[in-house]
Amino acid sequence: MFYSLRVGQLSFYSAEASAPRLADLAGVLCGPGQATGFGAGTAARLTVPVDQRWRAVALVAACAERGVGATVSTTEDGRRVVRTAFRADLVGLASHWQAGATKSVPERFVMDGVTLRLWALVAGRWSESGYLLGLDPDSPWTHLPLVTALVRAGMSLALVDDGGPALRVAGARRLGRLVELVGVPPPGVPGHDWPAVAGNRGANAAVRVKNAVDGVT
């Protein structure tokens, strides 16, 4: 199923416009991350599956910037997962993103550049058609509310299924604005996996091919 939604001027702030906050970690919940409560709402943890080591390392660093310790582990089926401990200071974030035991996008959720940056860090990737922000395949009811949040903020995008559900940003102007919002790649993040303007896509594709041949990726 394909949706195309377009609006006018973007209205939210870039990732460099504010200091790190716990609320920024909502970006991992826009993607495949899960928030889990503990006990009678006294603590919560974040669990985020990631498909590449650089994502795990960068996410652990992003959590540390917000005063949250996180570790990387491997599940029985070989997936790489970043987890925090159960923490009292994550209860607010978890409660906003849960309806009972179900992951749910908060009503009137406000997207900003730093949240978008964390989303790109855990689930952003290129396809032939543009830059994709991966959605949670296990929580399909969150997809349209996230579309609504971005449209409300002024983002032009499409909801697609391209190797999994995702929001696609395409076109030089839109990609340029995405780059402005998410900022430069975090340390250790491959530039060819990070949002770039359309004019750099040929170089990015060449790097990906070379890395694949060299066995880097």
C-alpha atoms as a PDB file:
ATOM      1  CA  MET A   1       0.000   0.000   0.000  1.00  0.00           C
ATOM      2  CA  PHE A   2       1.403   3.385  -1.004  1.00  0.00           C
ATOM      3  CA  TYR A   3       0.542   6.808   0.392  1.00  0.00           C
ATOM      4  CA  SER A   4       1.944  10.118  -0.784  1.00  0.00           C
ATOM      5  CA  LEU A   5       1.501  13.129   1.483  1.00  0.00           C
ATOM      6  CA  ARG A   6       2.791  16.609   0.837  1.00  0.00           C
ATOM      7  CA  VAL A   7       2.612  19.859   2.713  1.00  0.00           C
ATOM      8  CA  GLY A   8       4.394  23.179   2.743  1.00  0.00           C
ATOM      9  CA  GLN A   9       7.150  24.736   4.839  1.00  0.00           C
ATOM     10  CA  LEU A  10       8.785  22.557   7.476  1.00  0.00           C
ATOM     11  CA  SER A  11       8.181  23.877  10.960  1.00  0.00           C
ATOM     12  CA  PHE A  12      10.365  21.925  13.368  1.00  0.00           C
ATOM     13  CA  TYR A  13      13.873  22.494  14.672  1.00  0.00           C
ATOM     14  CA  SER A  14      17.129  20.883  13.617  1.00  0.00           C
ATOM     15  CA  ALA A  15      19.019  18.386  15.775  1.00  0.00           C
ATOM     16  CA  GLU A  16      21.585  21.045  16.637  1.00  0.00           C
ATOM     17  CA  ALA A  17      19.011  23.471  18.065  1.00  0.00           C
ATOM     18  CA  SER A  18      18.687  21.898  21.531  1.00  0.00           C
ATOM     19  CA  ALA A  19      20.689  20.108  24.206  1.00  0.00           C
ATOM     20  CA  PRO A  20      20.253  16.315  24.572  1.00  0.00           C
ATOM     21  CA  ARG A  21      17.077  15.320  26.466  1.00  0.00           C
ATOM     22  CA  LEU A  22      15.547  12.018  27.547  1.00  0.00           C
ATOM     23  CA  ALA A  23      12.538  12.855  25.393  1.00  0.00           C
ATOM     24  CA  ASP A  24      14.784  12.616  22.306  1.00  0.00           C
ATOM     25  CA  LEU A  25      14.801   8.835  22.740  1.00  0.00           C
ATOM     26  CA  ALA A  26      11.290   8.822  21.317  1.00  0.00           C
ATOM     27  CA  GLY A  27      13.167   8.635  18.012  1.00  0.00           C
ATOM     28  CA  VAL A  28      14.032   4.976  18.634  1.00  0.00           C
ATOM     29  CA  LEU A  29      10.349   4.265  19.302  1.00  0.00           C
ATOM     30  CA  CYS A  30       9.398   5.777  15.954  1.00  0.00           C
ATOM     31  CA  GLY A  31      11.432   2.917  14.533  1.00  0.00           C
ATOM     32  CA  PRO A  32      11.637  -0.638  15.877  1.00  0.00           C
ATOM     33  CA  GLY A  33      12.363   0.246  19.503  1.00  0.00           C
ATOM     34  CA  GLN A  34      10.110  -0.896  22.345  1.00  0.00           C
ATOM     35  CA  ALA A  35       9.485   0.598  25.792  1.00  0.00           C
ATOM     36  CA  THR A  36       8.674  -1.880  28.561  1.00  0.00           C
ATOM     37  CA  GLY A  37       7.362  -0.998  32.004  1.00  0.00           C
ATOM     38  CA  PHE A  38       8.243  -2.818  35.215  1.00  0.00           C
ATOM     39  CA  GLY A  39       6.262  -3.340  38.393  1.00  0.00           C
ATOM     40  CA  ALA A  40       3.559  -0.811  39.196  1.00  0.00           C
ATOM     41  CA  GLY A  41       4.910   1.779  36.798  1.00  0.00           C
ATOM     42  CA  THR A  42       8.027   2.423  38.856  1.00  0.00           C
ATOM     43  CA  ALA A  43      10.605   1.738  36.117  1.00  0.00           C
ATOM     44  CA  ALA A  44      10.894   1.189  32.387  1.00  0.00           C
ATOM     45  CA  ARG A  45      13.488   0.131  29.851  1.00  0.00           C
ATOM     46  CA  LEU A  46      14.140   0.609  26.144  1.00  0.00           C
ATOM     47  CA  THR A  47      14.945  -2.289  23.832  1.00  0.00           C
ATOM     48  CA  VAL A  48      16.064  -1.490  20.287  1.00  0.00           C
ATOM     49  CA  PRO A  49      16.959  -4.098  17.643  1.00  0.00           C
ATOM     50  CA  VAL A  50      19.608  -2.832  15.231  1.00  0.00           C
ATOM     51  CA  ASP A  51      21.008  -4.527  12.145  1.00  0.00           C
ATOM     52  CA  GLN A  52      24.531  -3.091  12.113  1.00  0.00           C
ATOM     53  CA  ARG A  53      27.261  -2.665  14.701  1.00  0.00           C
ATOM     54  CA  TRP A  54      27.735   1.035  14.011  1.00  0.00           C
ATOM     55  CA  ARG A  55      24.092   1.644  14.909  1.00  0.00           C
ATOM     56  CA  ALA A  56      24.523  -0.139  18.228  1.00  0.00           C
ATOM     57  CA  VAL A  57      27.675   1.802  19.101  1.00  0.00           C
ATOM     58  CA  ALA A  58      26.156   5.147  18.095  1.00  0.00           C
ATOM     59  CA  LEU A  59      22.936   4.455  20.002  1.00  0.00           C
ATOM     60  CA  VAL A  60      24.798   3.523  23.185  1.00  0.00           C
ATOM     61  CA  ALA A  61      26.680   6.827  22.854  1.00  0.00           C
ATOM     62  CA  ALA A  62      23.447   8.760  22.242  1.00  0.00           C
ATOM     63  CA  CYS A  63      21.903   7.210  25.348  1.00  0.00           C
ATOM     64  CA  ALA A  64      25.003   8.110  27.385  1.00  0.00           C
ATOM     65  CA  GLU A  65      24.701  11.727  26.235  1.00  0.00           C
ATOM     66  CA  ARG A  66      21.287  11.702  27.905  1.00  0.00           C
ATOM     67  CA  GLY A  67      22.508  10.106  31.111  1.00  0.00           C
ATOM     68  CA  VAL A  68      21.157   6.657  30.255  1.00  0.00           C
ATOM     69  CA  GLY A  69      23.396   3.608  30.302  1.00  0.00           C
ATOM     70  CA  ALA A  70      22.809   1.001  27.589  1.00  0.00           C
ATOM     71  CA  THR A  71      24.420  -2.270  26.591  1.00  0.00           C
ATOM     72  CA  VAL A  72      24.588  -4.342  23.407  1.00  0.00           C
ATOM     73  CA  SER A  73      23.656  -8.011  23.349  1.00  0.00           C
ATOM     74  CA  THR A  74      22.850 -10.696  20.800  1.00  0.00           C
ATOM     75  CA  THR A  75      19.597 -12.636  20.902  1.00  0.00           C
ATOM     76  CA  GLU A  76      19.294 -16.396  20.400  1.00  0.00           C
ATOM     77  CA  ASP A  77      18.364 -15.865  16.770  1.00  0.00           C
ATOM     78  CA  GLY A  78      21.488 -13.770  16.184  1.00  0.00           C
ATOM     79  CA  ARG A  79      19.945 -10.294  16.225  1.00  0.00           C
ATOM     80  CA  ARG A  80      21.849  -7.377  17.752  1.00  0.00           C
ATOM     81  CA  VAL A  81      19.886  -5.498  20.445  1.00  0.00           C
ATOM     82  CA  VAL A  82      20.601  -2.361  22.479  1.00  0.00           C
ATOM     83  CA  ARG A  83      18.988  -2.330  25.936  1.00  0.00           C
ATOM     84  CA  THR A  84      18.868   0.060  28.827  1.00  0.00           C
ATOM     85  CA  ALA A  85      18.391  -1.022  32.407  1.00  0.00           C
ATOM     86  CA  PHE A  86      14.994  -0.582  34.036  1.00  0.00           C
ATOM     87  CA  ARG A  87      15.046   3.053  35.145  1.00  0.00           C
ATOM     88  CA  ALA A  88      12.634   5.356  36.923  1.00  0.00           C
ATOM     89  CA  ASP A  89      13.486   8.257  34.620  1.00  0.00           C
ATOM     90  CA  LEU A  90      12.250   6.316  31.574  1.00  0.00           C
ATOM     91  CA  VAL A  91       8.755   5.797  32.988  1.00  0.00           C
ATOM     92  CA  GLY A  92       7.403   9.016  31.481  1.00  0.00           C
ATOM     93  CA  LEU A  93       8.642   8.176  27.988  1.00  0.00           C
ATOM     94  CA  ALA A  94       7.338   4.609  28.227  1.00  0.00           C
ATOM     95  CA  SER A  95       3.914   5.656  29.493  1.00  0.00           C
ATOM     96  CA  HIS A  96       3.525   8.155  26.652  1.00  0.00           C
ATOM     97  CA  TRP A  97       4.297   5.430  24.102  1.00  0.00           C
ATOM     98  CA  GLN A  98       2.058   2.717  25.517  1.00  0.00           C
ATOM     99  CA  ALA A  99      -1.672   2.076  25.493  1.00  0.00           C
ATOM    100  CA  GLY A 100      -1.915  -0.729  28.013  1.00  0.00           C
ATOM    101  CA  ALA A 101       0.683  -3.248  26.900  1.00  0.00           C
ATOM    102  CA  THR A 102       0.639  -2.011  23.296  1.00  0.00           C
ATOM    103  CA  LYS A 103       3.087   0.394  21.683  1.00  0.00           C
ATOM    104  CA  SER A 104       1.224   3.559  20.712  1.00  0.00           C
ATOM    105  CA  VAL A 105       2.220   6.945  19.278  1.00  0.00           C
ATOM    106  CA  PRO A 106       1.280   9.709  21.747  1.00  0.00           C
ATOM    107  CA  GLU A 107      -1.650  11.869  20.745  1.00  0.00           C
ATOM    108  CA  ARG A 108      -0.436  15.075  19.092  1.00  0.00           C
ATOM    109  CA  PHE A 109       3.141  13.760  19.088  1.00  0.00           C
ATOM    110  CA  VAL A 110       5.555  16.545  18.122  1.00  0.00           C
ATOM    111  CA  MET A 111       8.453  15.588  15.863  1.00  0.00           C
ATOM    112  CA  ASP A 112      11.650  17.633  15.893  1.00  0.00           C
ATOM    113  CA  GLY A 113      15.075  17.352  14.317  1.00  0.00           C
ATOM    114  CA  VAL A 114      16.817  15.565  17.157  1.00  0.00           C
ATOM    115  CA  THR A 115      14.052  12.947  17.407  1.00  0.00           C
ATOM    116  CA  LEU A 116      14.343  12.485  13.658  1.00  0.00           C
ATOM    117  CA  ARG A 117      18.126  12.119  14.061  1.00  0.00           C
ATOM    118  CA  LEU A 118      17.712   9.258  16.552  1.00  0.00           C
ATOM    119  CA  TRP A 119      15.198   7.629  14.226  1.00  0.00           C
ATOM    120  CA  ALA A 120      17.654   7.805  11.324  1.00  0.00           C
ATOM    121  CA  LEU A 121      20.391   6.428  13.549  1.00  0.00           C
ATOM    122  CA  VAL A 122      18.487   3.237  14.422  1.00  0.00           C
ATOM    123  CA  ALA A 123      16.447   2.667  11.258  1.00  0.00           C
ATOM    124  CA  GLY A 124      17.487   4.995   8.427  1.00  0.00           C
ATOM    125  CA  ARG A 125      18.754   3.575   5.149  1.00  0.00           C
ATOM    126  CA  TRP A 126      18.951   4.259   1.438  1.00  0.00           C
ATOM    127  CA  SER A 127      16.956   2.531  -1.259  1.00  0.00           C
ATOM    128  CA  GLU A 128      16.974   3.211  -4.977  1.00  0.00           C
ATOM    129  CA  SER A 129      13.943   5.457  -4.521  1.00  0.00           C
ATOM    130  CA  GLY A 130      15.214   7.665  -1.696  1.00  0.00           C
ATOM    131  CA  TYR A 131      16.079   7.731   1.999  1.00  0.00           C
ATOM    132  CA  LEU A 132      13.939   5.466   4.176  1.00  0.00           C
ATOM    133  CA  LEU A 133      13.060   5.834   7.844  1.00  0.00           C
ATOM    134  CA  GLY A 134      12.190   2.303   8.944  1.00  0.00           C
ATOM    135  CA  LEU A 135       8.969   1.720  10.875  1.00  0.00           C
ATOM    136  CA  ASP A 136       8.159  -0.964  13.420  1.00  0.00           C
ATOM    137  CA  PRO A 137       6.900  -3.993  11.466  1.00  0.00           C
ATOM    138  CA  ASP A 138       5.390  -5.449  14.643  1.00  0.00           C
ATOM    139  CA  SER A 139       3.333  -2.315  15.383  1.00  0.00           C
ATOM    140  CA  PRO A 140       1.604  -1.402  12.090  1.00  0.00           C
ATOM    141  CA  TRP A 141      -0.972   0.735  13.909  1.00  0.00           C
ATOM    142  CA  THR A 142       1.820   3.234  14.691  1.00  0.00           C
ATOM    143  CA  HIS A 143       2.621   3.941  11.034  1.00  0.00           C
ATOM    144  CA  LEU A 144      -0.146   6.351  10.090  1.00  0.00           C
ATOM    145  CA  PRO A 145       0.105   8.340  13.362  1.00  0.00           C
ATOM    146  CA  LEU A 146       3.810   8.862  12.591  1.00  0.00           C
ATOM    147  CA  VAL A 147       2.921   9.960   9.075  1.00  0.00           C
ATOM    148  CA  THR A 148       0.464  12.406  10.622  1.00  0.00           C
ATOM    149  CA  ALA A 149       3.101  13.740  13.031  1.00  0.00           C
ATOM    150  CA  LEU A 150       5.544  14.435  10.209  1.00  0.00           C
ATOM    151  CA  VAL A 151       2.914  15.908   7.932  1.00  0.00           C
ATOM    152  CA  ARG A 152       1.728  18.144  10.770  1.00  0.00           C
ATOM    153  CA  ALA A 153       5.345  19.319  11.158  1.00  0.00           C
ATOM    154  CA  GLY A 154       5.558  20.025   7.422  1.00  0.00           C
ATOM    155  CA  MET A 155       7.508  17.017   6.130  1.00  0.00           C
ATOM    156  CA  SER A 156       6.912  15.731   2.588  1.00  0.00           C
ATOM    157  CA  LEU A 157       7.107  11.951   2.477  1.00  0.00           C
ATOM    158  CA  ALA A 158       5.562   8.683   1.336  1.00  0.00           C
ATOM    159  CA  LEU A 159       4.593   5.595   3.310  1.00  0.00           C
ATOM    160  CA  VAL A 160       6.024   2.586   1.463  1.00  0.00           C
ATOM    161  CA  ASP A 161       6.895  -1.073   1.817  1.00  0.00           C
ATOM    162  CA  ASP A 162      10.484  -1.424   0.601  1.00  0.00           C
ATOM    163  CA  GLY A 163      12.067  -4.401   2.330  1.00  0.00           C
ATOM    164  CA  GLY A 164       9.796  -3.524   5.261  1.00  0.00           C
ATOM    165  CA  PRO A 165       7.487  -0.631   6.171  1.00  0.00           C
ATOM    166  CA  ALA A 166       9.145   2.778   5.990  1.00  0.00           C
ATOM    167  CA  LEU A 167       8.647   6.461   5.370  1.00  0.00           C
ATOM    168  CA  ARG A 168      10.481   7.613   2.254  1.00  0.00           C
ATOM    169  CA  VAL A 169      12.028  11.027   1.651  1.00  0.00           C
ATOM    170  CA  ALA A 170      13.012  11.699  -1.966  1.00  0.00           C
ATOM    171  CA  GLY A 171      14.003  14.642  -4.153  1.00  0.00           C
ATOM    172  CA  ALA A 172      16.905  17.055  -3.763  1.00  0.00           C
ATOM    173  CA  ARG A 173      14.977  19.739  -1.888  1.00  0.00           C
ATOM    174  CA  ARG A 174      13.365  17.359   0.603  1.00  0.00           C
ATOM    175  CA  LEU A 175      16.579  15.405   1.145  1.00  0.00           C
ATOM    176  CA  GLY A 176      18.467  18.650   1.646  1.00  0.00           C
ATOM    177  CA  ARG A 177      16.018  19.686   4.345  1.00  0.00           C
ATOM    178  CA  LEU A 178      16.293  16.256   5.985  1.00  0.00           C
ATOM    179  CA  VAL A 179      20.084  16.655   6.066  1.00  0.00           C
ATOM    180  CA  GLU A 180      19.674  20.069   7.663  1.00  0.00           C
ATOM    181  CA  LEU A 181      17.371  18.638  10.320  1.00  0.00           C
ATOM    182  CA  VAL A 182      19.314  15.524  11.322  1.00  0.00           C
ATOM    183  CA  GLY A 183      22.764  17.138  11.134  1.00  0.00           C
ATOM    184  CA  VAL A 184      26.108  15.525  10.407  1.00  0.00           C
ATOM    185  CA  PRO A 185      26.632  11.788  11.008  1.00  0.00           C
ATOM    186  CA  PRO A 186      27.516  10.882  14.606  1.00  0.00           C
ATOM    187  CA  PRO A 187      31.138   9.761  15.137  1.00  0.00           C
ATOM    188  CA  GLY A 188      31.712   6.352  13.612  1.00  0.00           C
ATOM    189  CA  VAL A 189      28.564   6.418  11.465  1.00  0.00           C
ATOM    190  CA  PRO A 190      29.289   5.671   7.788  1.00  0.00           C
ATOM    191  CA  GLY A 191      28.435   8.688   5.666  1.00  0.00           C
ATOM    192  CA  HIS A 192      26.903   6.473   2.985  1.00  0.00           C
ATOM    193  CA  ASP A 193      24.258   5.283   5.490  1.00  0.00           C
ATOM    194  CA  TRP A 194      23.320   8.801   6.580  1.00  0.00           C
ATOM    195  CA  PRO A 195      20.916  11.218   4.836  1.00  0.00           C
ATOM    196  CA  ALA A 196      22.544  13.161   2.002  1.00  0.00           C
ATOM    197  CA  VAL A 197      21.337  15.485  -0.718  1.00  0.00           C
ATOM    198  CA  ALA A 198      20.447  13.938  -4.056  1.00  0.00           C
ATOM    199  CA  GLY A 199      23.617  15.275  -5.671  1.00  0.00           C
ATOM    200  CA  ASN A 200      25.701  12.966  -3.469  1.00  0.00           C
ATOM    201  CA  ARG A 201      23.736   9.801  -4.150  1.00  0.00           C
ATOM    202  CA  GLY A 202      25.981   8.627  -6.980  1.00  0.00           C
ATOM    203  CA  ALA A 203      29.041   8.858  -4.763  1.00  0.00           C
ATOM    204  CA  ASN A 204      27.173   7.181  -1.910  1.00  0.00           C
ATOM    205  CA  ALA A 205      26.130   4.294  -4.137  1.00  0.00           C
ATOM    206  CA  ALA A 206      29.711   3.877  -5.367  1.00  0.00           C
ATOM    207  CA  VAL A 207      30.960   3.730  -1.771  1.00  0.00           C
ATOM    208  CA  ARG A 208      28.364   1.091  -0.871  1.00  0.00           C
ATOM    209  CA  VAL A 209      29.362  -1.049  -3.836  1.00  0.00           C
ATOM    210  CA  LYS A 210      33.069  -0.728  -3.020  1.00  0.00           C
ATOM    211  CA  ASN A 211      32.432  -1.583   0.654  1.00  0.00           C
ATOM    212  CA  ALA A 212      30.404  -4.625  -0.320  1.00  0.00           C
ATOM    213  CA  VAL A 213      33.187  -5.803  -2.617  1.00  0.00           C
ATOM    214  CA  ASP A 214      35.830  -5.190   0.026  1.00  0.00           C
ATOM    215  CA  GLY A 215      33.738  -6.980   2.659  1.00  0.00           C
ATOM    216  CA  VAL A 216      33.363  -3.867   4.810  1.00  0.00           C
ATOM    217  CA  THR A 217      29.565  -3.946   5.090  1.00  0.00           C
END
